[in-house]
């Protein structure tokens, strides 16, 4: 679920060892293709079973998910410093353990993690911080400076393969 309560799925093809199979090979009388509306999840929510110390819970707007360097739209977790909001701790997603890990602490051989949870009662995401403390210093948040306002760029969509779509970024107000 995203922050608006909508379902989404991130597919990472590079993690597959198998080759894709045509869906028609599975559609037999034994197997029925289901739509999302046909699936009902049973059982209790994992978030209700959690017993996390309140001091280790971080709620919005004290964190945000940003695109990672490998183009995962929510592959980087940014936690804003409690004293100075322009300073951040940056975490990368460790797929094998399904947690975010502080990049700078990890470089110093300290394993600081954060795990995202979804509170079904109020429909909000929250973060469970690890018990360990950071040994790294927060860094300046340069992301807002890298975001380009929609009036300062345009996409030129070309139809042929020899001339692909291009992004044109204007460097001044005169464009």
N, C-alpha and C. Protein backbone atom coordinates (compact mmCIF):
# COMPACT_ATOMS: atom_id res chain seq x y z
N UNK A 1 0.85 -1.18 0.00
CA UNK A 1 0.00 0.00 0.00
C UNK A 1 0.90 1.24 0.00
N UNK A 2 0.50 2.23 -0.77
CA UNK A 2 1.26 3.47 -0.75
C UNK A 2 0.68 4.38 0.34
N UNK A 3 1.23 5.60 0.45
CA UNK A 3 0.79 6.50 1.51
C UNK A 3 -0.66 6.94 1.35
N UNK A 4 -1.23 6.74 0.15
CA UNK A 4 -2.63 7.08 -0.09
C UNK A 4 -3.55 5.87 0.08
N UNK A 5 -3.00 4.75 0.53
CA UNK A 5 -3.81 3.56 0.75
C UNK A 5 -4.08 2.74 -0.51
N UNK A 6 -3.38 3.06 -1.60
CA UNK A 6 -3.58 2.32 -2.84
C UNK A 6 -2.53 1.21 -2.94
N UNK A 7 -2.97 0.06 -3.49
CA UNK A 7 -2.04 -1.05 -3.64
C UNK A 7 -1.08 -0.79 -4.79
N UNK A 8 0.14 -1.26 -4.65
CA UNK A 8 1.08 -1.21 -5.74
C UNK A 8 2.04 -2.38 -5.60
N UNK A 9 2.74 -2.67 -6.66
CA UNK A 9 3.65 -3.80 -6.70
C UNK A 9 4.90 -3.36 -7.43
N UNK A 10 6.05 -3.60 -6.85
CA UNK A 10 7.31 -3.28 -7.53
C UNK A 10 7.91 -4.60 -8.00
N UNK A 11 8.05 -4.71 -9.30
CA UNK A 11 8.61 -5.93 -9.89
C UNK A 11 10.07 -5.69 -10.21
N UNK A 12 10.93 -6.58 -9.75
CA UNK A 12 12.36 -6.46 -10.02
C UNK A 12 12.78 -7.66 -10.86
N UNK A 13 12.73 -7.54 -12.20
CA UNK A 13 13.04 -8.67 -13.07
C UNK A 13 14.43 -9.25 -12.86
N UNK A 14 15.38 -8.44 -12.42
CA UNK A 14 16.75 -8.93 -12.25
C UNK A 14 16.86 -9.97 -11.14
N UNK A 15 15.87 -10.06 -10.25
CA UNK A 15 15.92 -11.04 -9.17
C UNK A 15 15.43 -12.42 -9.61
N UNK A 16 14.86 -12.51 -10.81
CA UNK A 16 14.35 -13.79 -11.30
C UNK A 16 15.47 -14.61 -11.91
N UNK A 17 15.46 -15.91 -11.62
CA UNK A 17 16.39 -16.83 -12.26
C UNK A 17 15.68 -17.57 -13.40
N UNK A 18 14.36 -17.59 -13.35
CA UNK A 18 13.57 -18.30 -14.35
C UNK A 18 13.26 -17.38 -15.53
N UNK A 19 12.71 -17.99 -16.56
CA UNK A 19 12.26 -17.24 -17.73
C UNK A 19 10.75 -17.05 -17.64
N UNK A 20 10.21 -15.96 -18.17
CA UNK A 20 8.76 -15.76 -18.14
C UNK A 20 8.03 -16.88 -18.89
N UNK A 21 6.84 -17.20 -18.41
CA UNK A 21 6.03 -18.25 -19.02
C UNK A 21 4.74 -17.61 -19.50
N UNK A 22 4.26 -18.04 -20.66
CA UNK A 22 3.00 -17.50 -21.18
C UNK A 22 1.87 -17.88 -20.25
N UNK A 23 1.02 -16.95 -19.96
CA UNK A 23 -0.10 -17.18 -19.04
C UNK A 23 -1.04 -18.24 -19.58
N UNK A 24 -1.15 -18.36 -20.89
CA UNK A 24 -2.06 -19.33 -21.48
C UNK A 24 -1.70 -20.76 -21.09
N UNK A 25 -0.45 -21.03 -20.73
CA UNK A 25 -0.06 -22.38 -20.33
C UNK A 25 -0.63 -22.75 -18.97
N UNK A 26 -1.02 -21.75 -18.18
CA UNK A 26 -1.59 -22.01 -16.86
C UNK A 26 -3.11 -22.03 -16.86
N UNK A 27 -3.73 -21.41 -17.85
CA UNK A 27 -5.19 -21.32 -17.87
C UNK A 27 -5.78 -22.64 -18.35
N UNK A 28 -6.10 -23.48 -17.38
CA UNK A 28 -6.71 -24.78 -17.63
C UNK A 28 -7.88 -24.90 -16.67
N UNK A 29 -8.70 -25.95 -16.79
CA UNK A 29 -9.79 -26.12 -15.83
C UNK A 29 -9.30 -26.21 -14.37
N UNK A 30 -8.05 -26.66 -14.19
CA UNK A 30 -7.49 -26.78 -12.84
C UNK A 30 -7.13 -25.42 -12.24
N UNK A 31 -6.69 -24.49 -13.08
CA UNK A 31 -6.23 -23.19 -12.64
C UNK A 31 -7.13 -22.10 -13.18
N UNK A 32 -7.53 -21.19 -12.31
CA UNK A 32 -8.41 -20.10 -12.69
C UNK A 32 -7.66 -18.78 -12.49
N UNK A 33 -7.75 -17.90 -13.44
CA UNK A 33 -7.12 -16.59 -13.34
C UNK A 33 -8.00 -15.69 -12.48
N UNK A 34 -7.44 -15.14 -11.41
CA UNK A 34 -8.19 -14.30 -10.48
C UNK A 34 -7.84 -12.83 -10.67
N UNK A 35 -8.81 -12.00 -10.45
CA UNK A 35 -8.59 -10.56 -10.41
C UNK A 35 -8.38 -10.17 -8.95
N UNK A 36 -7.86 -9.01 -8.69
CA UNK A 36 -7.60 -8.57 -7.31
C UNK A 36 -8.87 -8.60 -6.47
N UNK A 37 -9.99 -8.23 -7.06
CA UNK A 37 -11.27 -8.19 -6.32
C UNK A 37 -11.71 -9.58 -5.87
N UNK A 38 -11.18 -10.62 -6.52
CA UNK A 38 -11.55 -12.00 -6.18
C UNK A 38 -10.72 -12.57 -5.03
N UNK A 39 -9.72 -11.84 -4.58
CA UNK A 39 -8.82 -12.34 -3.55
C UNK A 39 -9.14 -11.68 -2.23
N UNK A 40 -9.38 -12.48 -1.20
CA UNK A 40 -9.63 -11.96 0.15
C UNK A 40 -8.54 -12.49 1.07
N UNK A 41 -7.80 -11.59 1.68
CA UNK A 41 -6.76 -12.00 2.61
C UNK A 41 -7.38 -12.27 3.97
N UNK A 42 -7.06 -13.41 4.53
CA UNK A 42 -7.60 -13.77 5.83
C UNK A 42 -6.50 -13.68 6.88
N UNK A 43 -6.92 -13.66 8.13
CA UNK A 43 -5.95 -13.60 9.20
C UNK A 43 -5.79 -12.19 9.72
N UNK A 44 -5.04 -12.10 10.77
CA UNK A 44 -4.84 -10.80 11.39
C UNK A 44 -3.68 -10.07 10.74
N UNK A 45 -3.73 -8.80 10.82
CA UNK A 45 -2.69 -7.96 10.25
C UNK A 45 -1.40 -8.10 11.05
N UNK A 46 -0.29 -8.06 10.34
CA UNK A 46 1.00 -8.11 11.01
C UNK A 46 1.22 -6.87 11.88
N UNK A 47 0.70 -5.73 11.43
CA UNK A 47 0.93 -4.49 12.17
C UNK A 47 0.23 -4.50 13.52
N UNK A 48 -0.86 -5.23 13.66
CA UNK A 48 -1.55 -5.27 14.94
C UNK A 48 -0.78 -6.10 15.96
N UNK A 49 0.04 -7.05 15.50
CA UNK A 49 0.79 -7.92 16.38
C UNK A 49 2.09 -7.28 16.86
N UNK A 50 2.49 -6.22 16.23
CA UNK A 50 3.76 -5.60 16.56
C UNK A 50 3.75 -4.99 17.96
N UNK A 51 4.85 -5.17 18.63
CA UNK A 51 5.02 -4.57 19.95
C UNK A 51 6.33 -3.78 19.90
N UNK A 52 6.22 -2.54 19.47
CA UNK A 52 7.40 -1.71 19.26
C UNK A 52 7.41 -0.59 20.29
N UNK A 53 8.60 -0.34 20.86
CA UNK A 53 8.73 0.78 21.79
C UNK A 53 8.38 2.07 21.06
N UNK A 54 7.63 2.95 21.72
CA UNK A 54 7.20 4.21 21.09
C UNK A 54 8.39 5.07 20.68
N UNK A 55 9.50 4.98 21.41
CA UNK A 55 10.67 5.79 21.08
C UNK A 55 11.31 5.36 19.77
N UNK A 56 11.01 4.14 19.31
CA UNK A 56 11.58 3.63 18.06
C UNK A 56 10.63 3.76 16.88
N UNK A 57 9.47 4.38 17.07
CA UNK A 57 8.51 4.57 15.99
C UNK A 57 8.66 5.98 15.43
N UNK A 58 8.73 6.07 14.11
CA UNK A 58 8.85 7.36 13.43
C UNK A 58 7.70 7.46 12.45
N UNK A 59 6.96 8.57 12.51
CA UNK A 59 5.80 8.76 11.65
C UNK A 59 6.06 9.89 10.65
N UNK A 60 5.22 9.92 9.61
CA UNK A 60 5.27 11.01 8.64
C UNK A 60 4.97 12.32 9.35
N UNK A 61 5.57 13.41 9.00
CA UNK A 61 6.44 13.72 7.86
C UNK A 61 7.93 13.65 8.20
N UNK A 62 8.31 12.84 9.18
CA UNK A 62 9.71 12.75 9.61
C UNK A 62 10.56 11.84 8.73
N UNK A 63 9.97 11.26 7.71
CA UNK A 63 10.71 10.43 6.76
C UNK A 63 10.01 10.51 5.42
N UNK A 64 10.72 10.09 4.37
CA UNK A 64 10.09 9.96 3.05
C UNK A 64 10.86 8.95 2.23
N UNK A 65 10.15 8.36 1.29
CA UNK A 65 10.74 7.41 0.36
C UNK A 65 11.04 8.15 -0.94
N UNK A 66 12.24 7.89 -1.47
CA UNK A 66 12.67 8.56 -2.71
C UNK A 66 13.20 7.52 -3.69
N UNK A 67 13.32 7.90 -4.95
CA UNK A 67 13.87 6.96 -5.94
C UNK A 67 15.33 6.61 -5.60
N UNK A 68 15.69 5.35 -5.85
CA UNK A 68 17.06 4.93 -5.64
C UNK A 68 17.86 5.14 -6.91
N UNK A 69 19.16 4.88 -6.82
CA UNK A 69 20.03 5.06 -7.98
C UNK A 69 19.73 4.02 -9.07
N UNK A 70 19.15 2.87 -8.68
CA UNK A 70 18.81 1.86 -9.68
C UNK A 70 17.35 1.96 -10.11
N UNK A 71 16.75 3.14 -9.95
CA UNK A 71 15.42 3.50 -10.46
C UNK A 71 14.25 2.87 -9.73
N UNK A 72 14.45 2.30 -8.56
CA UNK A 72 13.33 1.84 -7.75
C UNK A 72 12.68 3.09 -7.18
N UNK A 73 11.38 3.35 -7.46
CA UNK A 73 10.76 4.61 -7.05
C UNK A 73 10.72 4.82 -5.53
N UNK A 74 10.82 3.75 -4.75
CA UNK A 74 10.84 3.88 -3.30
C UNK A 74 12.01 3.11 -2.71
N UNK A 75 13.14 3.15 -3.38
CA UNK A 75 14.31 2.37 -2.98
C UNK A 75 15.23 3.05 -1.99
N UNK A 76 15.00 4.33 -1.71
CA UNK A 76 15.82 5.05 -0.74
C UNK A 76 14.91 5.63 0.32
N UNK A 77 15.26 5.38 1.56
CA UNK A 77 14.53 5.94 2.69
C UNK A 77 15.34 7.10 3.24
N UNK A 78 14.68 8.22 3.43
CA UNK A 78 15.33 9.40 4.00
C UNK A 78 14.64 9.73 5.31
N UNK A 79 15.44 9.80 6.38
CA UNK A 79 14.92 10.18 7.68
C UNK A 79 15.50 11.54 8.02
N UNK A 80 14.61 12.48 8.29
CA UNK A 80 15.04 13.84 8.59
C UNK A 80 15.55 13.91 10.02
N UNK A 81 16.65 14.63 10.20
CA UNK A 81 17.23 14.82 11.53
C UNK A 81 16.22 15.55 12.41
N UNK A 82 16.07 15.12 13.64
CA UNK A 82 15.07 15.70 14.54
C UNK A 82 15.38 17.15 14.90
N UNK A 83 16.66 17.53 14.86
CA UNK A 83 17.04 18.90 15.23
C UNK A 83 17.06 19.85 14.04
N UNK A 84 17.51 19.35 12.89
CA UNK A 84 17.67 20.19 11.70
C UNK A 84 17.07 19.46 10.50
N UNK A 85 15.89 19.91 10.03
CA UNK A 85 15.15 19.21 8.97
C UNK A 85 15.86 19.23 7.61
N UNK A 86 16.86 20.09 7.43
CA UNK A 86 17.60 20.10 6.16
C UNK A 86 18.73 19.07 6.17
N UNK A 87 18.88 18.36 7.28
CA UNK A 87 19.90 17.31 7.41
C UNK A 87 19.17 15.97 7.44
N UNK A 88 19.78 14.96 6.79
CA UNK A 88 19.10 13.66 6.66
C UNK A 88 20.05 12.49 6.93
N UNK A 89 19.43 11.36 7.24
CA UNK A 89 20.10 10.07 7.24
C UNK A 89 19.52 9.32 6.05
N UNK A 90 20.39 8.76 5.20
CA UNK A 90 19.94 8.10 3.99
C UNK A 90 20.13 6.59 4.12
N UNK A 91 19.07 5.84 3.81
CA UNK A 91 19.07 4.39 3.92
C UNK A 91 18.83 3.78 2.55
N UNK A 92 19.48 2.65 2.28
CA UNK A 92 19.20 1.88 1.07
C UNK A 92 18.43 0.63 1.45
N UNK A 93 17.71 0.05 0.49
CA UNK A 93 16.88 -1.12 0.77
C UNK A 93 17.70 -2.39 0.60
N UNK A 94 17.74 -3.21 1.63
CA UNK A 94 18.41 -4.51 1.57
C UNK A 94 17.34 -5.57 1.33
N UNK A 95 17.26 -6.02 0.10
CA UNK A 95 16.18 -6.90 -0.34
C UNK A 95 16.14 -8.21 0.45
N UNK A 96 17.29 -8.80 0.71
CA UNK A 96 17.32 -10.12 1.35
C UNK A 96 16.72 -10.09 2.76
N UNK A 97 16.86 -8.97 3.47
CA UNK A 97 16.33 -8.87 4.83
C UNK A 97 15.08 -8.01 4.93
N UNK A 98 14.69 -7.41 3.81
CA UNK A 98 13.49 -6.56 3.74
C UNK A 98 13.52 -5.42 4.75
N UNK A 99 14.67 -4.78 4.86
CA UNK A 99 14.83 -3.61 5.73
C UNK A 99 15.65 -2.57 4.99
N UNK A 100 15.56 -1.33 5.46
CA UNK A 100 16.41 -0.27 4.97
C UNK A 100 17.61 -0.17 5.90
N UNK A 101 18.80 0.09 5.33
CA UNK A 101 20.05 0.14 6.09
C UNK A 101 20.69 1.51 5.89
N UNK A 102 21.16 2.11 6.99
CA UNK A 102 21.83 3.41 6.90
C UNK A 102 23.12 3.25 6.10
N UNK A 103 23.21 3.99 5.00
CA UNK A 103 24.35 3.88 4.09
C UNK A 103 25.67 4.24 4.76
N UNK A 104 25.70 5.38 5.44
CA UNK A 104 26.96 5.85 6.02
C UNK A 104 27.40 5.04 7.23
N UNK A 105 26.47 4.60 8.06
CA UNK A 105 26.84 3.74 9.20
C UNK A 105 27.35 2.40 8.69
N UNK A 106 26.74 1.88 7.64
CA UNK A 106 27.16 0.60 7.09
C UNK A 106 28.59 0.67 6.57
N UNK A 107 28.99 1.81 6.02
CA UNK A 107 30.37 1.99 5.56
C UNK A 107 31.35 1.95 6.73
N UNK A 108 30.85 2.27 7.93
CA UNK A 108 31.67 2.26 9.14
C UNK A 108 31.44 0.99 9.96
N UNK A 109 30.91 -0.04 9.28
CA UNK A 109 30.65 -1.35 9.90
C UNK A 109 29.67 -1.31 11.07
N UNK A 110 28.68 -0.46 10.98
CA UNK A 110 27.61 -0.42 11.97
C UNK A 110 26.30 -0.65 11.24
N UNK A 111 25.50 -1.57 11.71
CA UNK A 111 24.28 -1.98 11.03
C UNK A 111 23.08 -1.30 11.69
N UNK A 112 22.63 -0.20 11.09
CA UNK A 112 21.48 0.57 11.57
C UNK A 112 20.35 0.36 10.57
N UNK A 113 19.21 -0.11 11.05
CA UNK A 113 18.12 -0.44 10.13
C UNK A 113 16.85 0.34 10.44
N UNK A 114 15.97 0.32 9.48
CA UNK A 114 14.62 0.88 9.62
C UNK A 114 13.70 0.00 8.80
N UNK A 115 12.56 -0.32 9.37
CA UNK A 115 11.60 -1.17 8.68
C UNK A 115 10.29 -0.42 8.56
N UNK A 116 9.70 -0.46 7.37
CA UNK A 116 8.44 0.23 7.12
C UNK A 116 7.28 -0.70 7.47
N UNK A 117 6.31 -0.14 8.17
CA UNK A 117 5.09 -0.87 8.53
C UNK A 117 3.90 -0.04 8.06
N UNK A 118 2.76 -0.70 7.96
CA UNK A 118 1.53 -0.04 7.56
C UNK A 118 0.51 -0.24 8.65
N UNK A 119 0.03 0.85 9.23
CA UNK A 119 -0.97 0.80 10.28
C UNK A 119 -2.34 0.76 9.63
N UNK A 120 -3.00 -0.39 9.70
CA UNK A 120 -4.30 -0.54 9.06
C UNK A 120 -5.40 0.25 9.76
N UNK A 121 -5.19 0.60 11.01
CA UNK A 121 -6.20 1.38 11.75
C UNK A 121 -6.37 2.77 11.17
N UNK A 122 -5.26 3.45 10.87
CA UNK A 122 -5.36 4.81 10.35
C UNK A 122 -4.87 4.92 8.90
N UNK A 123 -4.42 3.81 8.31
CA UNK A 123 -4.01 3.82 6.91
C UNK A 123 -2.70 4.53 6.64
N UNK A 124 -1.83 4.66 7.63
CA UNK A 124 -0.57 5.38 7.46
C UNK A 124 0.63 4.46 7.58
N UNK A 125 1.69 4.85 6.87
CA UNK A 125 2.97 4.17 7.01
C UNK A 125 3.68 4.72 8.23
N UNK A 126 4.47 3.87 8.87
CA UNK A 126 5.37 4.33 9.92
C UNK A 126 6.62 3.49 9.87
N UNK A 127 7.65 3.96 10.54
CA UNK A 127 8.94 3.29 10.51
C UNK A 127 9.30 2.80 11.90
N UNK A 128 9.84 1.59 11.94
CA UNK A 128 10.40 1.04 13.17
C UNK A 128 11.92 1.17 13.06
N UNK A 129 12.49 1.99 13.92
CA UNK A 129 13.94 2.19 13.92
C UNK A 129 14.62 1.09 14.73
N UNK A 130 15.85 0.76 14.36
CA UNK A 130 16.59 -0.25 15.12
C UNK A 130 17.00 0.30 16.48
N UNK A 131 17.40 -0.59 17.36
CA UNK A 131 17.80 -0.18 18.71
C UNK A 131 19.17 0.50 18.70
N UNK A 132 19.99 0.19 17.71
CA UNK A 132 21.33 0.77 17.61
C UNK A 132 21.27 2.25 17.26
N UNK A 133 22.25 3.00 17.70
CA UNK A 133 22.34 4.43 17.40
C UNK A 133 23.29 4.66 16.23
N UNK A 134 23.05 5.74 15.50
CA UNK A 134 23.93 6.11 14.38
C UNK A 134 25.32 6.47 14.90
N UNK A 135 26.33 6.07 14.14
CA UNK A 135 27.68 6.56 14.41
C UNK A 135 28.09 7.57 13.34
N UNK A 136 27.27 7.66 12.29
CA UNK A 136 27.53 8.65 11.24
C UNK A 136 26.83 9.96 11.58
N UNK A 137 27.23 11.00 10.90
CA UNK A 137 26.60 12.31 11.06
C UNK A 137 25.57 12.48 9.95
N UNK A 138 24.47 13.19 10.22
CA UNK A 138 23.52 13.44 9.14
C UNK A 138 24.16 14.29 8.06
N UNK A 139 23.68 14.11 6.83
CA UNK A 139 24.25 14.89 5.72
C UNK A 139 23.22 15.90 5.22
N UNK A 140 23.71 16.90 4.51
CA UNK A 140 22.85 17.94 3.95
C UNK A 140 21.94 17.32 2.89
N UNK A 141 20.67 17.67 2.93
CA UNK A 141 19.70 17.15 1.97
C UNK A 141 19.79 17.96 0.69
N UNK A 142 20.39 17.38 -0.35
CA UNK A 142 20.53 18.09 -1.62
C UNK A 142 19.45 17.70 -2.63
N UNK A 143 18.54 16.82 -2.24
CA UNK A 143 17.49 16.36 -3.16
C UNK A 143 16.59 17.49 -3.67
N UNK A 144 16.10 18.39 -2.78
CA UNK A 144 15.24 19.46 -3.31
C UNK A 144 15.90 20.30 -4.40
N UNK A 145 17.21 20.46 -4.33
CA UNK A 145 17.91 21.25 -5.35
C UNK A 145 18.00 20.50 -6.67
N UNK A 146 17.90 19.16 -6.62
CA UNK A 146 17.97 18.36 -7.85
C UNK A 146 16.61 18.19 -8.52
N UNK A 147 15.53 18.53 -7.84
CA UNK A 147 14.20 18.40 -8.41
C UNK A 147 13.95 19.59 -9.33
N UNK A 148 13.54 19.28 -10.54
CA UNK A 148 13.32 20.33 -11.54
C UNK A 148 11.82 20.55 -11.70
N UNK A 149 11.40 21.79 -11.54
CA UNK A 149 10.00 22.17 -11.68
C UNK A 149 9.54 21.87 -13.10
N UNK A 150 8.27 21.46 -13.25
CA UNK A 150 7.76 21.07 -14.57
C UNK A 150 7.84 22.20 -15.60
N UNK A 151 7.88 23.46 -15.17
CA UNK A 151 7.97 24.56 -16.14
C UNK A 151 9.40 24.74 -16.64
N UNK A 152 10.37 24.03 -16.05
CA UNK A 152 11.76 24.18 -16.45
C UNK A 152 12.30 23.01 -17.28
N UNK A 153 11.41 22.13 -17.73
CA UNK A 153 11.83 21.08 -18.64
C UNK A 153 10.66 20.68 -19.53
N UNK A 154 10.99 19.96 -20.61
CA UNK A 154 9.94 19.41 -21.46
C UNK A 154 10.45 18.10 -22.05
N UNK A 155 9.52 17.21 -22.32
CA UNK A 155 9.84 15.92 -22.91
C UNK A 155 9.46 15.96 -24.38
N UNK A 156 10.40 15.62 -25.24
CA UNK A 156 10.15 15.54 -26.67
C UNK A 156 10.07 14.06 -26.99
N UNK A 157 8.88 13.62 -27.38
CA UNK A 157 8.65 12.20 -27.64
C UNK A 157 8.81 11.92 -29.12
N UNK A 158 9.83 11.16 -29.46
CA UNK A 158 10.07 10.79 -30.86
C UNK A 158 9.58 9.37 -31.08
N UNK A 159 9.00 9.13 -32.23
CA UNK A 159 8.36 7.85 -32.50
C UNK A 159 9.33 6.75 -32.95
N UNK A 160 10.38 7.11 -33.67
CA UNK A 160 11.24 6.07 -34.21
C UNK A 160 12.33 5.65 -33.22
N UNK A 161 12.87 4.45 -33.41
CA UNK A 161 13.85 3.89 -32.48
C UNK A 161 15.22 4.56 -32.59
N UNK A 162 15.52 5.14 -33.74
CA UNK A 162 16.84 5.77 -33.92
C UNK A 162 16.90 7.13 -33.24
N UNK A 163 15.74 7.71 -32.94
CA UNK A 163 15.69 9.02 -32.31
C UNK A 163 14.74 8.93 -31.10
N UNK A 164 15.23 8.42 -29.96
CA UNK A 164 14.35 8.18 -28.81
C UNK A 164 13.87 9.47 -28.15
N UNK A 165 12.95 9.31 -27.21
CA UNK A 165 12.41 10.46 -26.46
C UNK A 165 13.55 11.17 -25.74
N UNK A 166 13.41 12.49 -25.60
CA UNK A 166 14.46 13.29 -24.97
C UNK A 166 13.85 14.22 -23.93
N UNK A 167 14.62 14.49 -22.92
CA UNK A 167 14.23 15.49 -21.92
C UNK A 167 15.08 16.72 -22.18
N UNK A 168 14.43 17.86 -22.29
CA UNK A 168 15.14 19.11 -22.47
C UNK A 168 14.98 19.91 -21.18
N UNK A 169 16.11 20.24 -20.56
CA UNK A 169 16.11 21.00 -19.29
C UNK A 169 16.58 22.40 -19.58
N UNK A 170 15.76 23.37 -19.19
CA UNK A 170 16.12 24.78 -19.41
C UNK A 170 17.01 25.24 -18.26
N UNK A 171 18.06 25.99 -18.60
CA UNK A 171 19.03 26.43 -17.59
C UNK A 171 18.81 27.86 -17.11
N UNK A 172 17.85 28.55 -17.71
CA UNK A 172 17.55 29.91 -17.26
C UNK A 172 16.06 30.18 -17.42
N UNK A 173 15.58 31.27 -16.86
CA UNK A 173 14.16 31.63 -16.97
C UNK A 173 13.78 31.99 -18.39
N UNK A 174 14.75 32.43 -19.19
CA UNK A 174 14.49 32.78 -20.59
C UNK A 174 14.30 31.54 -21.46
N UNK A 175 14.68 30.38 -20.94
CA UNK A 175 14.56 29.08 -21.62
C UNK A 175 15.31 29.08 -22.94
